Amino acid sequence: MKGSSMNTHMGNIVIDNEVIAQYAGSVAVECFGIVGMAGVSMKDGMAKLLKKDSLTRGINVSLNNNKLTLDFHVIVAYGVSIIAVSDNLISSVKYKVEEFTGIQIEKINIFVEGVRVID
């Protein structure tokens, strides 16, 4: 199990990176302007919209010096400001994931893999 760990006065707490990715993905798709997470195929280089049950494939979680780094591969809605959507995503995810895990986030990288028109 690859996870993030912290020591407390009562023992060790280990949070699997998959749990962090799943929570961060659910926070991300609630943000205005985010259509969903993107899965990028290495074979053809195409990005596709991931379904709700596979959000974690669009997120990479790593831990360095007890600080998290999150990489998001997202698809944004057509006609919205990518900068505004990214700022909203960063602030929402940073606040909620830090509150959820108790681990500080060092960096959030956002890779916009596509744009979709939404009804």
Protein backbone atom coordinates (compact mmCIF):
# COMPACT_ATOMS: atom_id res chain seq x y z
CA MET A 1 0.00 0.00 0.00
CA LYS A 2 1.47 3.30 -1.07
CA GLY A 3 0.24 6.05 1.18
CA SER A 4 0.83 9.22 3.10
CA SER A 5 1.68 8.77 6.74
CA MET A 6 1.79 10.96 9.80
CA ASN A 7 2.80 10.31 13.38
CA THR A 8 0.54 11.28 16.25
CA HIS A 9 0.86 10.90 20.01
CA MET A 10 -1.23 7.72 19.79
CA GLY A 11 0.49 6.09 16.80
CA ASN A 12 0.84 6.23 13.03
CA ILE A 13 -1.90 7.16 10.57
CA VAL A 14 -1.50 6.01 6.96
CA ILE A 15 -3.80 7.36 4.24
CA ASP A 16 -3.66 5.51 0.94
CA ASN A 17 -2.90 7.81 -2.02
CA GLU A 18 -5.94 6.35 -3.79
CA VAL A 19 -8.17 7.70 -1.01
CA ILE A 20 -6.65 11.17 -1.33
CA ALA A 21 -7.03 11.06 -5.12
CA GLN A 22 -10.66 9.96 -4.86
CA TYR A 23 -11.52 12.75 -2.42
CA ALA A 24 -9.62 15.37 -4.45
CA GLY A 25 -11.40 14.20 -7.62
CA SER A 26 -14.82 14.53 -6.04
CA VAL A 27 -13.94 18.06 -4.86
CA ALA A 28 -12.61 18.97 -8.31
CA VAL A 29 -15.70 17.93 -10.27
CA GLU A 30 -17.84 20.13 -7.98
CA CYS A 31 -15.87 23.22 -9.09
CA PHE A 32 -17.48 25.57 -11.62
CA GLY A 33 -16.11 25.09 -15.13
CA ILE A 34 -14.71 21.59 -14.61
CA VAL A 35 -16.47 19.08 -16.85
CA GLY A 36 -14.51 16.15 -15.45
CA MET A 37 -11.19 14.40 -15.13
CA ALA A 38 -9.27 13.38 -18.25
CA GLY A 39 -7.62 10.07 -18.96
CA VAL A 40 -4.80 10.41 -21.46
CA SER A 41 -4.04 7.44 -23.66
CA MET A 42 -0.33 6.90 -24.09
CA LYS A 43 -0.95 4.94 -27.29
CA ASP A 44 -2.64 7.70 -29.30
CA GLY A 45 -2.14 10.77 -27.08
CA MET A 46 -5.88 11.46 -26.93
CA ALA A 47 -7.65 12.64 -23.80
CA LYS A 48 -11.04 11.23 -22.87
CA LEU A 49 -13.55 12.19 -20.22
CA LEU A 50 -13.46 9.74 -17.31
CA LYS A 51 -16.61 8.46 -15.65
CA LYS A 52 -17.37 9.25 -12.00
CA ASP A 53 -16.15 5.84 -10.81
CA SER A 54 -12.69 6.26 -12.37
CA LEU A 55 -11.87 9.85 -11.37
CA THR A 56 -8.63 8.78 -9.69
CA ARG A 57 -7.01 7.92 -13.05
CA GLY A 58 -6.94 11.64 -13.83
CA ILE A 59 -5.13 12.52 -10.59
CA ASN A 60 -1.61 11.77 -9.42
CA VAL A 61 -0.77 12.05 -5.72
CA SER A 62 2.80 12.15 -4.39
CA LEU A 63 4.26 12.87 -0.97
CA ASN A 64 7.63 14.58 -0.44
CA ASN A 65 8.88 15.75 2.97
CA ASN A 66 5.39 15.26 4.49
CA LYS A 67 3.80 17.57 1.89
CA LEU A 68 1.45 16.54 -0.90
CA THR A 69 1.76 17.31 -4.59
CA LEU A 70 -1.38 16.79 -6.67
CA ASP A 71 -1.49 16.63 -10.48
CA PHE A 72 -4.93 17.08 -12.08
CA HIS A 73 -5.69 16.23 -15.72
CA VAL A 74 -8.98 18.00 -16.39
CA ILE A 75 -11.44 18.87 -19.12
CA VAL A 76 -12.93 22.36 -18.80
CA ALA A 77 -16.20 23.80 -20.07
CA TYR A 78 -16.13 25.82 -23.29
CA GLY A 79 -16.35 29.58 -22.81
CA VAL A 80 -15.06 29.83 -19.25
CA SER A 81 -11.82 31.48 -18.17
CA ILE A 82 -9.24 28.74 -17.66
CA ILE A 83 -7.36 30.97 -15.20
CA ALA A 84 -10.51 31.55 -13.09
CA VAL A 85 -11.42 27.85 -13.15
CA SER A 86 -7.85 26.88 -12.20
CA ASP A 87 -7.72 29.37 -9.32
CA ASN A 88 -11.07 28.10 -8.04
CA LEU A 89 -9.94 24.48 -8.35
CA ILE A 90 -6.66 25.14 -6.52
CA SER A 91 -8.24 27.01 -3.62
CA SER A 92 -11.11 24.52 -3.18
CA VAL A 93 -8.93 21.42 -3.38
CA LYS A 94 -6.19 22.89 -1.18
CA TYR A 95 -8.60 23.84 1.60
CA LYS A 96 -10.74 20.68 1.54
CA VAL A 97 -7.93 18.13 1.12
CA GLU A 98 -5.81 19.72 3.85
CA GLU A 99 -8.82 19.68 6.20
CA PHE A 100 -9.64 16.06 5.23
CA THR A 101 -6.13 14.63 5.56
CA GLY A 102 -4.30 16.96 7.93
CA ILE A 103 -1.38 16.98 5.46
CA GLN A 104 -0.15 20.24 3.94
CA ILE A 105 -0.32 20.60 0.15
CA GLU A 106 2.89 21.90 -1.36
CA LYS A 107 1.82 22.12 -5.00
CA ILE A 108 -1.19 21.56 -7.25
CA ASN A 109 -0.48 21.18 -10.96
CA ILE A 110 -3.35 21.46 -13.42
CA PHE A 111 -3.10 20.04 -16.93
CA VAL A 112 -6.00 21.11 -19.15
CA GLU A 113 -6.39 18.19 -21.56
CA GLY A 114 -9.49 19.35 -23.39
CA VAL A 115 -12.50 21.63 -23.71
CA ARG A 116 -16.12 20.48 -23.92
CA VAL A 117 -19.34 22.25 -24.72
CA ILE A 118 -21.84 21.49 -21.99
CA ASP A 119 -25.61 21.76 -22.31
